[in-house]
Amino acid sequence: IHKNEDVIGVDWNLTLVDTNIINGWSLSCSDYSEVSIFDSTNIIIDCMYRSVISIYDSYVRYLYSYDYSLVSVYNSTVYELECYWFTGQLFFDETKVDGWWDIYNSQFYVEGGVNFTKANLWFWDSNVTRNYGVNVTMNDAPAPDITLTLYDETENPIWSGITNASGLSSFNMTLNDDNHNKVYSLRTDDYLKERCVSLISKTPVLIPIYSNFIITSIEDISGNPISGGVKGDTIVVKGSGVTPGAVVNLYWDYVNPAYLINTTEANPDGFFEVRFNVPEAYNGDHYLW
């Protein structure tokens, strides 16, 4: 392109692979152009006027977003991210922003997985709506039906949700001149876990829960130890080591969606007891978790 001084015959839609843009030059994308960049080492790019930009596995020295454009960055590093008069969308996947993030007179939406490792934030006269994905695990497995609550700095709840069968949830938060530098608290109501959330928080928000509880016995209704049952039998599961007052959910088999068969709260001493009737199921081994 640099050798084509009149820039003649260049398609609006462009794919670049293994590209190094020399300092002092930049790639300007506008007027509905669609540009994809792969495996490149020094990208300097202006995204403007309804352009659609996708960047993969690259190092982006400078990313400038203006007007309404759609910008997606995958498995890459961005050193300088500037959003001026920007009204579009930013999507990230396994990407880190390693330097400046300037936001000026803009209203835009951000989602996906990004880590602002060394971000220096400058914010002025803007509204940024960011989607925060949340991933909750229990002993390294997806944790369904975990209640999450987001609190502001004055301990007022501003959002609540429940993880799905894969242990996932998400929420949106709009940051402006008044609250862009505030820190919010995301908590799991049942397990007393907490994560701080701000405009430059890493997403997805990971909340690992490690429980030390153990099942001490599985008995029939008369208190006799058992190792199995048939449909309709009442089974009593007892355990210990749970946070006092925490909710204990008992699930049947590893299925999707998770099959919740009963729930209870742990006693002040951390012990719990859950009763349930054996569901109708195929013969063979089944699992309680």
Foldseek 3Di string as FASTA:
>chain_A
DVVPVVPPPDDLEEEEEQDADDPVDAAEHEDQREYEYEHYEEHHYEFDHAYEYEYENYEYAHYEYADEYHYEYELYEYAEAEYENYEYEYEYENYEHAYEYEHECYEYEYEYFYADPHYDYHAYNYKYKYKAKEFEEEPNAADFQFKKFKAFPVRDTDDIDTAFQRNMDMDIDIDHPVPQPGWMWMAGPQQGDIDIDHPRHGPNHYHYHYAPKDWPAKAFPVRHGDDDDAFFTKIKIKMFRAQAQGKDWKFKASDPNTHTFDIDGAHNRGMDMDMGGDHHDDDDDMDID
